[in-house]
Amino acid sequence: MTPTGLARPVLTTAALCAVPYDHPEAQRLTSALHAEQLALYGFADDPHTTDPAHFAPPNGLFLIAHADGHDQALGCGGWHLVQPGTVEIKRMYVSPAARGLAIGSTILRALEDQARSIGARRAILETGSRNLAALALYAHLGYEPIPSYAPGRDPLVNRALAKQLTA
């Protein structure tokens, strides 16, 4: 955690790469995301039960982020088309050692740009109520609370958000 008043440097050399959802680096990162969610909430959707075709172009995309000086990818995220004009952002994750370096916002902005390029006008997502960093990121980038769109979600645990993807 960065002490109050001290800013961490912003990472400016993150390179994003589109990969299949079952790519080894994507699997490593989504496994870390799953473990973190289990530790935070005691339960979590298993990312490995998702069909890789879910994130395959043209109706989906999965990105990983690399940075100079790091052998492994530091973050990931994807989207899939849920209905014409609307994508769902999923599996956003940044390794703990790379948090605060703007990797999450870099990934999210790239996902939004790619979604716009296929005609999406709206992005929706879910995150947990205890994930304060994610909630802050999404609010900063213009996401607003909406009613849950996933059946059976606990509103005390899950937060649904949306953003209009206008040019």
N, C-alpha and C. Protein backbone atom coordinates (compact mmCIF):
# COMPACT_ATOMS: atom_id res chain seq x y z
N MET A 1 0.86 -1.17 0.00
CA MET A 1 0.00 0.00 0.00
C MET A 1 0.90 1.23 0.00
N THR A 2 0.56 2.17 -0.84
CA THR A 2 1.32 3.40 -0.94
C THR A 2 0.92 4.35 0.19
N PRO A 3 1.90 4.90 0.93
CA PRO A 3 1.55 5.84 1.99
C PRO A 3 0.80 7.04 1.43
N THR A 4 -0.08 7.61 2.24
CA THR A 4 -0.86 8.78 1.83
C THR A 4 0.08 9.89 1.40
N GLY A 5 -0.24 10.50 0.26
CA GLY A 5 0.55 11.63 -0.22
C GLY A 5 1.68 11.23 -1.15
N LEU A 6 2.00 9.96 -1.24
CA LEU A 6 3.06 9.52 -2.14
C LEU A 6 2.43 8.82 -3.33
N ALA A 7 2.75 9.27 -4.50
CA ALA A 7 2.20 8.68 -5.71
C ALA A 7 3.13 7.61 -6.23
N ARG A 8 2.54 6.51 -6.70
CA ARG A 8 3.32 5.48 -7.37
C ARG A 8 3.46 5.90 -8.83
N PRO A 9 4.56 5.53 -9.48
CA PRO A 9 4.70 5.89 -10.88
C PRO A 9 3.65 5.18 -11.73
N VAL A 10 3.23 5.84 -12.78
CA VAL A 10 2.29 5.24 -13.71
C VAL A 10 3.09 4.45 -14.74
N LEU A 11 2.69 3.22 -14.96
CA LEU A 11 3.36 2.37 -15.93
C LEU A 11 2.98 2.85 -17.33
N THR A 12 3.96 3.20 -18.13
CA THR A 12 3.66 3.71 -19.46
C THR A 12 4.07 2.74 -20.55
N THR A 13 4.65 1.62 -20.19
CA THR A 13 5.15 0.69 -21.21
C THR A 13 4.39 -0.63 -21.21
N ALA A 14 3.15 -0.63 -20.74
CA ALA A 14 2.36 -1.86 -20.78
C ALA A 14 1.98 -2.16 -22.22
N ALA A 15 2.22 -3.38 -22.64
CA ALA A 15 1.83 -3.83 -23.97
C ALA A 15 0.69 -4.81 -23.83
N LEU A 16 -0.39 -4.56 -24.55
CA LEU A 16 -1.55 -5.44 -24.50
C LEU A 16 -1.51 -6.39 -25.68
N CYS A 17 -1.93 -7.61 -25.41
CA CYS A 17 -1.93 -8.64 -26.43
C CYS A 17 -3.23 -9.42 -26.34
N ALA A 18 -3.92 -9.55 -27.47
CA ALA A 18 -5.12 -10.38 -27.52
C ALA A 18 -4.69 -11.84 -27.58
N VAL A 19 -5.27 -12.65 -26.71
CA VAL A 19 -4.93 -14.08 -26.65
C VAL A 19 -6.22 -14.89 -26.50
N PRO A 20 -6.15 -16.17 -26.85
CA PRO A 20 -7.30 -17.03 -26.55
C PRO A 20 -7.48 -17.12 -25.03
N TYR A 21 -8.71 -17.29 -24.60
CA TYR A 21 -9.00 -17.37 -23.16
C TYR A 21 -8.27 -18.53 -22.49
N ASP A 22 -7.99 -19.59 -23.23
CA ASP A 22 -7.30 -20.73 -22.64
C ASP A 22 -5.78 -20.65 -22.81
N HIS A 23 -5.25 -19.49 -23.19
CA HIS A 23 -3.81 -19.26 -23.27
C HIS A 23 -3.22 -19.47 -21.87
N PRO A 24 -2.03 -20.05 -21.75
CA PRO A 24 -1.45 -20.30 -20.41
C PRO A 24 -1.36 -19.07 -19.51
N GLU A 25 -0.99 -17.93 -20.05
CA GLU A 25 -0.91 -16.72 -19.22
C GLU A 25 -2.30 -16.26 -18.77
N ALA A 26 -3.27 -16.37 -19.64
CA ALA A 26 -4.65 -16.02 -19.27
C ALA A 26 -5.14 -16.96 -18.17
N GLN A 27 -4.83 -18.23 -18.29
CA GLN A 27 -5.25 -19.21 -17.29
C GLN A 27 -4.58 -18.95 -15.95
N ARG A 28 -3.30 -18.58 -15.98
CA ARG A 28 -2.58 -18.28 -14.73
C ARG A 28 -3.21 -17.07 -14.04
N LEU A 29 -3.49 -16.03 -14.81
CA LEU A 29 -4.07 -14.82 -14.23
C LEU A 29 -5.50 -15.04 -13.74
N THR A 30 -6.31 -15.77 -14.49
CA THR A 30 -7.69 -16.00 -14.03
C THR A 30 -7.71 -16.95 -12.83
N SER A 31 -6.72 -17.83 -12.72
CA SER A 31 -6.61 -18.66 -11.52
C SER A 31 -6.28 -17.81 -10.30
N ALA A 32 -5.39 -16.83 -10.48
CA ALA A 32 -5.06 -15.92 -9.39
C ALA A 32 -6.27 -15.08 -9.00
N LEU A 33 -7.03 -14.62 -9.99
CA LEU A 33 -8.26 -13.89 -9.72
C LEU A 33 -9.23 -14.74 -8.91
N HIS A 34 -9.40 -15.98 -9.31
CA HIS A 34 -10.31 -16.90 -8.63
C HIS A 34 -9.88 -17.10 -7.17
N ALA A 35 -8.59 -17.33 -6.95
CA ALA A 35 -8.08 -17.52 -5.59
C ALA A 35 -8.31 -16.28 -4.73
N GLU A 36 -8.12 -15.11 -5.32
CA GLU A 36 -8.32 -13.86 -4.58
C GLU A 36 -9.80 -13.68 -4.22
N GLN A 37 -10.69 -13.99 -5.15
CA GLN A 37 -12.12 -13.89 -4.87
C GLN A 37 -12.56 -14.88 -3.80
N LEU A 38 -12.02 -16.10 -3.84
CA LEU A 38 -12.34 -17.09 -2.81
C LEU A 38 -11.90 -16.60 -1.44
N ALA A 39 -10.70 -16.01 -1.37
CA ALA A 39 -10.20 -15.51 -0.09
C ALA A 39 -11.04 -14.33 0.42
N LEU A 40 -11.52 -13.51 -0.47
CA LEU A 40 -12.27 -12.31 -0.09
C LEU A 40 -13.72 -12.60 0.27
N TYR A 41 -14.34 -13.53 -0.47
CA TYR A 41 -15.78 -13.76 -0.31
C TYR A 41 -16.15 -15.16 0.16
N GLY A 42 -15.21 -16.10 0.08
CA GLY A 42 -15.52 -17.48 0.46
C GLY A 42 -16.15 -18.29 -0.66
N PHE A 43 -16.42 -17.65 -1.78
CA PHE A 43 -16.97 -18.32 -2.96
C PHE A 43 -16.65 -17.45 -4.17
N ALA A 44 -16.71 -18.05 -5.34
CA ALA A 44 -16.48 -17.30 -6.58
C ALA A 44 -16.83 -18.19 -7.76
N ASP A 45 -17.25 -17.56 -8.85
CA ASP A 45 -17.45 -18.30 -10.09
C ASP A 45 -16.10 -18.85 -10.53
N ASP A 46 -16.07 -20.10 -10.97
CA ASP A 46 -14.82 -20.70 -11.44
C ASP A 46 -14.57 -20.27 -12.88
N PRO A 47 -13.51 -19.49 -13.12
CA PRO A 47 -13.26 -19.01 -14.48
C PRO A 47 -12.91 -20.12 -15.46
N HIS A 48 -12.51 -21.27 -14.95
CA HIS A 48 -12.09 -22.36 -15.84
C HIS A 48 -13.26 -23.16 -16.39
N THR A 49 -14.47 -22.85 -15.94
CA THR A 49 -15.65 -23.50 -16.51
C THR A 49 -16.19 -22.72 -17.72
N THR A 50 -15.59 -21.57 -17.99
CA THR A 50 -16.01 -20.75 -19.13
C THR A 50 -15.43 -21.32 -20.41
N ASP A 51 -16.27 -21.51 -21.40
CA ASP A 51 -15.83 -21.97 -22.71
C ASP A 51 -14.95 -20.89 -23.34
N PRO A 52 -13.74 -21.23 -23.80
CA PRO A 52 -12.88 -20.23 -24.43
C PRO A 52 -13.55 -19.49 -25.59
N ALA A 53 -14.50 -20.12 -26.26
CA ALA A 53 -15.20 -19.46 -27.37
C ALA A 53 -15.99 -18.24 -26.90
N HIS A 54 -16.28 -18.19 -25.61
CA HIS A 54 -17.01 -17.06 -25.01
C HIS A 54 -16.30 -15.73 -25.28
N PHE A 55 -14.96 -15.76 -25.31
CA PHE A 55 -14.16 -14.56 -25.50
C PHE A 55 -13.50 -14.52 -26.88
N ALA A 56 -13.96 -15.33 -27.81
CA ALA A 56 -13.34 -15.38 -29.14
C ALA A 56 -13.94 -14.32 -30.06
N PRO A 57 -13.09 -13.66 -30.85
CA PRO A 57 -13.59 -12.71 -31.84
C PRO A 57 -14.50 -13.42 -32.84
N PRO A 58 -15.46 -12.75 -33.41
CA PRO A 58 -15.72 -11.31 -33.32
C PRO A 58 -16.66 -10.93 -32.17
N ASN A 59 -17.15 -11.92 -31.43
CA ASN A 59 -18.11 -11.64 -30.36
C ASN A 59 -17.49 -11.60 -28.98
N GLY A 60 -16.18 -11.52 -28.92
CA GLY A 60 -15.48 -11.46 -27.65
C GLY A 60 -14.02 -11.11 -27.86
N LEU A 61 -13.35 -10.84 -26.77
CA LEU A 61 -11.93 -10.48 -26.80
C LEU A 61 -11.35 -10.72 -25.42
N PHE A 62 -10.13 -11.24 -25.35
CA PHE A 62 -9.44 -11.37 -24.08
C PHE A 62 -8.04 -10.81 -24.24
N LEU A 63 -7.66 -9.91 -23.34
CA LEU A 63 -6.36 -9.24 -23.38
C LEU A 63 -5.52 -9.60 -22.16
N ILE A 64 -4.21 -9.68 -22.38
CA ILE A 64 -3.26 -9.75 -21.27
C ILE A 64 -2.29 -8.58 -21.43
N ALA A 65 -1.75 -8.13 -20.31
CA ALA A 65 -0.84 -6.99 -20.30
C ALA A 65 0.55 -7.45 -19.86
N HIS A 66 1.53 -7.06 -20.66
CA HIS A 66 2.94 -7.31 -20.34
C HIS A 66 3.62 -5.96 -20.10
N ALA A 67 4.70 -5.97 -19.35
CA ALA A 67 5.46 -4.75 -19.11
C ALA A 67 6.95 -5.07 -19.14
N ASP A 68 7.72 -4.08 -19.56
CA ASP A 68 9.17 -4.23 -19.59
C ASP A 68 9.68 -4.66 -18.21
N GLY A 69 10.61 -5.58 -18.22
CA GLY A 69 11.21 -6.04 -16.98
C GLY A 69 10.45 -7.13 -16.26
N HIS A 70 9.36 -7.60 -16.85
CA HIS A 70 8.55 -8.66 -16.24
C HIS A 70 8.43 -9.81 -17.23
N ASP A 71 8.73 -11.01 -16.77
CA ASP A 71 8.64 -12.19 -17.63
C ASP A 71 7.20 -12.63 -17.86
N GLN A 72 6.35 -12.41 -16.88
CA GLN A 72 4.97 -12.88 -16.96
C GLN A 72 4.01 -11.71 -17.18
N ALA A 73 2.85 -12.03 -17.73
CA ALA A 73 1.81 -11.02 -17.88
C ALA A 73 1.38 -10.53 -16.50
N LEU A 74 1.01 -9.26 -16.41
CA LEU A 74 0.68 -8.63 -15.14
C LEU A 74 -0.81 -8.41 -14.94
N GLY A 75 -1.59 -8.51 -16.00
CA GLY A 75 -3.02 -8.27 -15.88
C GLY A 75 -3.78 -8.83 -17.05
N CYS A 76 -5.11 -8.87 -16.89
CA CYS A 76 -5.95 -9.41 -17.95
C CYS A 76 -7.36 -8.85 -17.84
N GLY A 77 -8.11 -9.08 -18.88
CA GLY A 77 -9.52 -8.72 -18.90
C GLY A 77 -10.10 -9.06 -20.26
N GLY A 78 -11.40 -9.20 -20.29
CA GLY A 78 -12.04 -9.52 -21.56
C GLY A 78 -13.45 -8.99 -21.63
N TRP A 79 -14.05 -9.15 -22.79
CA TRP A 79 -15.47 -8.84 -22.97
C TRP A 79 -16.07 -9.87 -23.89
N HIS A 80 -17.39 -10.00 -23.76
CA HIS A 80 -18.15 -10.83 -24.70
C HIS A 80 -19.46 -10.12 -24.97
N LEU A 81 -19.97 -10.33 -26.15
CA LEU A 81 -21.23 -9.72 -26.57
C LEU A 81 -22.38 -10.44 -25.89
N VAL A 82 -23.21 -9.70 -25.15
CA VAL A 82 -24.35 -10.32 -24.47
C VAL A 82 -25.65 -10.10 -25.22
N GLN A 83 -25.71 -9.05 -26.00
CA GLN A 83 -26.84 -8.77 -26.88
C GLN A 83 -26.35 -7.71 -27.86
N PRO A 84 -27.03 -7.53 -28.97
CA PRO A 84 -26.56 -6.51 -29.91
C PRO A 84 -26.38 -5.16 -29.22
N GLY A 85 -25.18 -4.60 -29.36
CA GLY A 85 -24.88 -3.30 -28.78
C GLY A 85 -24.38 -3.30 -27.35
N THR A 86 -24.39 -4.46 -26.68
CA THR A 86 -23.96 -4.53 -25.27
C THR A 86 -22.93 -5.63 -25.07
N VAL A 87 -21.81 -5.25 -24.44
CA VAL A 87 -20.79 -6.22 -24.06
C VAL A 87 -20.72 -6.30 -22.55
N GLU A 88 -20.28 -7.46 -22.06
CA GLU A 88 -20.02 -7.62 -20.63
C GLU A 88 -18.52 -7.73 -20.44
N ILE A 89 -17.98 -6.88 -19.58
CA ILE A 89 -16.57 -6.93 -19.19
C ILE A 89 -16.43 -8.01 -18.13
N LYS A 90 -15.44 -8.88 -18.30
CA LYS A 90 -15.23 -10.00 -17.38
C LYS A 90 -13.75 -10.20 -17.10
N ARG A 91 -13.48 -10.84 -15.99
CA ARG A 91 -12.14 -11.33 -15.63
C ARG A 91 -11.08 -10.24 -15.59
N MET A 92 -11.47 -9.05 -15.14
CA MET A 92 -10.49 -7.98 -14.96
C MET A 92 -9.63 -8.33 -13.74
N TYR A 93 -8.31 -8.33 -13.95
CA TYR A 93 -7.41 -8.69 -12.86
C TYR A 93 -6.04 -8.08 -13.12
N VAL A 94 -5.42 -7.58 -12.05
CA VAL A 94 -4.04 -7.11 -12.09
C VAL A 94 -3.30 -7.76 -10.93
N SER A 95 -2.13 -8.31 -11.21
CA SER A 95 -1.32 -8.94 -10.17
C SER A 95 -1.05 -7.95 -9.04
N PRO A 96 -1.07 -8.41 -7.79
CA PRO A 96 -0.87 -7.50 -6.66
C PRO A 96 0.37 -6.62 -6.77
N ALA A 97 1.48 -7.16 -7.25
CA ALA A 97 2.72 -6.39 -7.35
C ALA A 97 2.63 -5.27 -8.38
N ALA A 98 1.66 -5.34 -9.28
CA ALA A 98 1.54 -4.34 -10.35
C ALA A 98 0.39 -3.37 -10.13
N ARG A 99 -0.29 -3.47 -9.02
CA ARG A 99 -1.43 -2.58 -8.76
C ARG A 99 -0.95 -1.16 -8.50
N GLY A 100 -1.73 -0.21 -8.94
CA GLY A 100 -1.37 1.19 -8.80
C GLY A 100 -0.53 1.72 -9.95
N LEU A 101 -0.30 0.89 -10.96
CA LEU A 101 0.52 1.30 -12.10
C LEU A 101 -0.30 1.58 -13.35
N ALA A 102 -1.61 1.70 -13.20
CA ALA A 102 -2.54 2.03 -14.29
C ALA A 102 -2.73 0.89 -15.29
N ILE A 103 -2.36 -0.32 -14.92
CA ILE A 103 -2.56 -1.45 -15.83
C ILE A 103 -4.05 -1.76 -15.99
N GLY A 104 -4.78 -1.73 -14.90
CA GLY A 104 -6.22 -2.01 -14.97
C GLY A 104 -6.94 -1.02 -15.87
N SER A 105 -6.65 0.27 -15.71
CA SER A 105 -7.32 1.26 -16.56
C SER A 105 -6.88 1.13 -18.01
N THR A 106 -5.63 0.76 -18.25
CA THR A 106 -5.15 0.55 -19.62
C THR A 106 -5.90 -0.60 -20.27
N ILE A 107 -6.06 -1.70 -19.55
CA ILE A 107 -6.79 -2.85 -20.08
C ILE A 107 -8.25 -2.47 -20.33
N LEU A 108 -8.88 -1.84 -19.35
CA LEU A 108 -10.30 -1.52 -19.48
C LEU A 108 -10.56 -0.56 -20.63
N ARG A 109 -9.73 0.45 -20.78
CA ARG A 109 -9.91 1.40 -21.90
C ARG A 109 -9.74 0.70 -23.24
N ALA A 110 -8.78 -0.21 -23.33
CA ALA A 110 -8.58 -0.95 -24.58
C ALA A 110 -9.77 -1.85 -24.87
N LEU A 111 -10.31 -2.49 -23.85
CA LEU A 111 -11.50 -3.33 -24.04
C LEU A 111 -12.67 -2.48 -24.53
N GLU A 112 -12.85 -1.32 -23.93
CA GLU A 112 -13.93 -0.42 -24.36
C GLU A 112 -13.74 0.01 -25.81
N ASP A 113 -12.51 0.37 -26.17
CA ASP A 113 -12.23 0.79 -27.55
C ASP A 113 -12.54 -0.32 -28.54
N GLN A 114 -12.11 -1.54 -28.21
CA GLN A 114 -12.37 -2.67 -29.11
C GLN A 114 -13.86 -2.97 -29.19
N ALA A 115 -14.57 -2.83 -28.08
CA ALA A 115 -16.02 -3.06 -28.09
C ALA A 115 -16.71 -2.02 -28.97
N ARG A 116 -16.28 -0.77 -28.87
CA ARG A 116 -16.84 0.28 -29.73
C ARG A 116 -16.61 -0.06 -31.20
N SER A 117 -15.44 -0.63 -31.50
CA SER A 117 -15.10 -0.92 -32.90
C SER A 117 -16.01 -1.97 -33.52
N ILE A 118 -16.70 -2.77 -32.71
CA ILE A 118 -17.65 -3.75 -33.25
C ILE A 118 -19.09 -3.25 -33.10
N GLY A 119 -19.23 -1.99 -32.72
CA GLY A 119 -20.55 -1.38 -32.65
C GLY A 119 -21.22 -1.40 -31.30
N ALA A 120 -20.50 -1.83 -30.26
CA ALA A 120 -21.10 -1.82 -28.92
C ALA A 120 -21.32 -0.39 -28.46
N ARG A 121 -22.45 -0.18 -27.83
CA ARG A 121 -22.79 1.14 -27.31
C ARG A 121 -22.85 1.16 -25.78
N ARG A 122 -22.77 -0.03 -25.17
CA ARG A 122 -22.90 -0.12 -23.72
C ARG A 122 -22.03 -1.27 -23.21
N ALA A 123 -21.39 -1.04 -22.06
CA ALA A 123 -20.64 -2.10 -21.38
C ALA A 123 -21.26 -2.30 -20.00
N ILE A 124 -21.41 -3.55 -19.60
CA ILE A 124 -21.88 -3.89 -18.26
C ILE A 124 -20.83 -4.75 -17.60
N LEU A 125 -20.84 -4.78 -16.29
CA LEU A 125 -19.91 -5.63 -15.55
C LEU A 125 -20.42 -5.85 -14.15
N GLU A 126 -19.82 -6.82 -13.49
CA GLU A 126 -20.08 -7.08 -12.07
C GLU A 126 -18.75 -7.06 -11.33
N THR A 127 -18.80 -6.62 -10.10
CA THR A 127 -17.66 -6.74 -9.21
C THR A 127 -18.19 -6.92 -7.80
N GLY A 128 -17.31 -7.29 -6.90
CA GLY A 128 -17.72 -7.51 -5.53
C GLY A 128 -17.74 -6.23 -4.72
N SER A 129 -18.60 -6.19 -3.73
CA SER A 129 -18.74 -5.00 -2.89
C SER A 129 -17.50 -4.73 -2.04
N ARG A 130 -16.68 -5.73 -1.81
CA ARG A 130 -15.47 -5.55 -1.01
C ARG A 130 -14.25 -5.18 -1.85
N ASN A 131 -14.41 -5.20 -3.16
CA ASN A 131 -13.29 -4.87 -4.04
C ASN A 131 -13.28 -3.36 -4.28
N LEU A 132 -12.82 -2.64 -3.27
CA LEU A 132 -12.88 -1.18 -3.30
C LEU A 132 -12.04 -0.57 -4.41
N ALA A 133 -10.89 -1.17 -4.72
CA ALA A 133 -10.05 -0.64 -5.79
C ALA A 133 -10.76 -0.76 -7.13
N ALA A 134 -11.41 -1.89 -7.38
CA ALA A 134 -12.14 -2.06 -8.64
C ALA A 134 -13.31 -1.09 -8.71
N LEU A 135 -14.05 -0.96 -7.62
CA LEU A 135 -15.18 -0.02 -7.61
C LEU A 135 -14.71 1.40 -7.89
N ALA A 136 -13.57 1.79 -7.32
CA ALA A 136 -13.03 3.13 -7.56
C ALA A 136 -12.61 3.29 -9.02
N LEU A 137 -11.95 2.28 -9.58
CA LEU A 137 -11.53 2.34 -10.98
C LEU A 137 -12.74 2.50 -11.89
N TYR A 138 -13.74 1.67 -11.68
CA TYR A 138 -14.91 1.72 -12.55
C TYR A 138 -15.63 3.06 -12.43
N ALA A 139 -15.77 3.58 -11.23
CA ALA A 139 -16.41 4.89 -11.05
C ALA A 139 -15.60 5.98 -11.74
N HIS A 140 -14.29 5.93 -11.59
CA HIS A 140 -13.41 6.92 -12.22
C HIS A 140 -13.55 6.91 -13.74
N LEU A 141 -13.79 5.74 -14.31
CA LEU A 141 -13.89 5.61 -15.77
C LEU A 141 -15.33 5.71 -16.27
N GLY A 142 -16.24 6.12 -15.39
CA GLY A 142 -17.59 6.44 -15.85
C GLY A 142 -18.64 5.36 -15.70
N TYR A 143 -18.35 4.29 -15.00
CA TYR A 143 -19.34 3.24 -14.77
C TYR A 143 -20.27 3.66 -13.64
N GLU A 144 -21.55 3.36 -13.82
CA GLU A 144 -22.56 3.73 -12.83
C GLU A 144 -23.34 2.50 -12.39
N PRO A 145 -23.82 2.49 -11.14
CA PRO A 145 -24.58 1.33 -10.64
C PRO A 145 -25.86 1.11 -11.44
N ILE A 146 -26.18 -0.17 -11.65
CA ILE A 146 -27.42 -0.60 -12.29
C ILE A 146 -27.97 -1.77 -11.48
N PRO A 147 -29.24 -2.12 -11.68
CA PRO A 147 -29.76 -3.33 -11.03
C PRO A 147 -29.00 -4.56 -11.54
N SER A 148 -28.89 -5.56 -10.71
CA SER A 148 -28.20 -6.79 -11.10
C SER A 148 -28.83 -7.38 -12.35
N TYR A 149 -27.99 -7.84 -13.26
CA TYR A 149 -28.47 -8.47 -14.49
C TYR A 149 -28.24 -9.98 -14.46
N ALA A 150 -27.63 -10.47 -13.40
CA ALA A 150 -27.35 -11.91 -13.27
C ALA A 150 -28.29 -12.50 -12.22
N PRO A 151 -29.07 -13.49 -12.58
CA PRO A 151 -30.01 -14.09 -11.62
C PRO A 151 -29.29 -14.66 -10.40
N GLY A 152 -29.90 -14.48 -9.24
CA GLY A 152 -29.39 -15.09 -8.02
C GLY A 152 -28.24 -14.38 -7.34
N ARG A 153 -27.86 -13.21 -7.82
CA ARG A 153 -26.76 -12.49 -7.20
C ARG A 153 -27.24 -11.81 -5.92
N ASP A 154 -26.38 -11.81 -4.92
CA ASP A 154 -26.67 -11.16 -3.64
C ASP A 154 -26.30 -9.68 -3.74
N PRO A 155 -27.25 -8.77 -3.63
CA PRO A 155 -26.93 -7.35 -3.76
C PRO A 155 -26.01 -6.82 -2.66
N LEU A 156 -25.86 -7.56 -1.57
CA LEU A 156 -24.92 -7.15 -0.54
C LEU A 156 -23.48 -7.51 -0.91
N VAL A 157 -23.33 -8.42 -1.86
CA VAL A 157 -22.01 -8.88 -2.27
C VAL A 157 -21.65 -8.39 -3.67
N ASN A 158 -22.58 -8.45 -4.58
CA ASN A 158 -22.31 -8.13 -5.98
C ASN A 158 -22.78 -6.73 -6.34
N ARG A 159 -21.98 -6.06 -7.14
CA ARG A 159 -22.35 -4.75 -7.67
C ARG A 159 -22.35 -4.85 -9.19
N ALA A 160 -23.46 -4.46 -9.80
CA ALA A 160 -23.56 -4.40 -11.26
C ALA A 160 -23.39 -2.94 -11.67
N LEU A 161 -22.62 -2.74 -12.74
CA LEU A 161 -22.32 -1.39 -13.22
C LEU A 161 -22.45 -1.35 -14.73
N ALA A 162 -22.65 -0.16 -15.27
CA ALA A 162 -22.75 0.00 -16.72
C ALA A 162 -22.15 1.33 -17.14
N LYS A 163 -21.76 1.38 -18.41
CA LYS A 163 -21.22 2.61 -19.00
C LYS A 163 -21.68 2.69 -20.44
N GLN A 164 -22.09 3.88 -20.85
CA GLN A 164 -22.40 4.11 -22.26
C GLN A 164 -21.08 4.30 -23.00
N LEU A 165 -20.92 3.59 -24.11
CA LEU A 165 -19.68 3.64 -24.88
C LEU A 165 -19.83 4.56 -26.09
N THR A 166 -20.16 5.79 -25.84
CA THR A 166 -20.29 6.74 -26.94
C THR A 166 -18.92 7.22 -27.36
N ALA A 167 -18.81 7.63 -28.60
CA ALA A 167 -17.51 8.04 -29.16
C ALA A 167 -17.01 9.32 -28.55
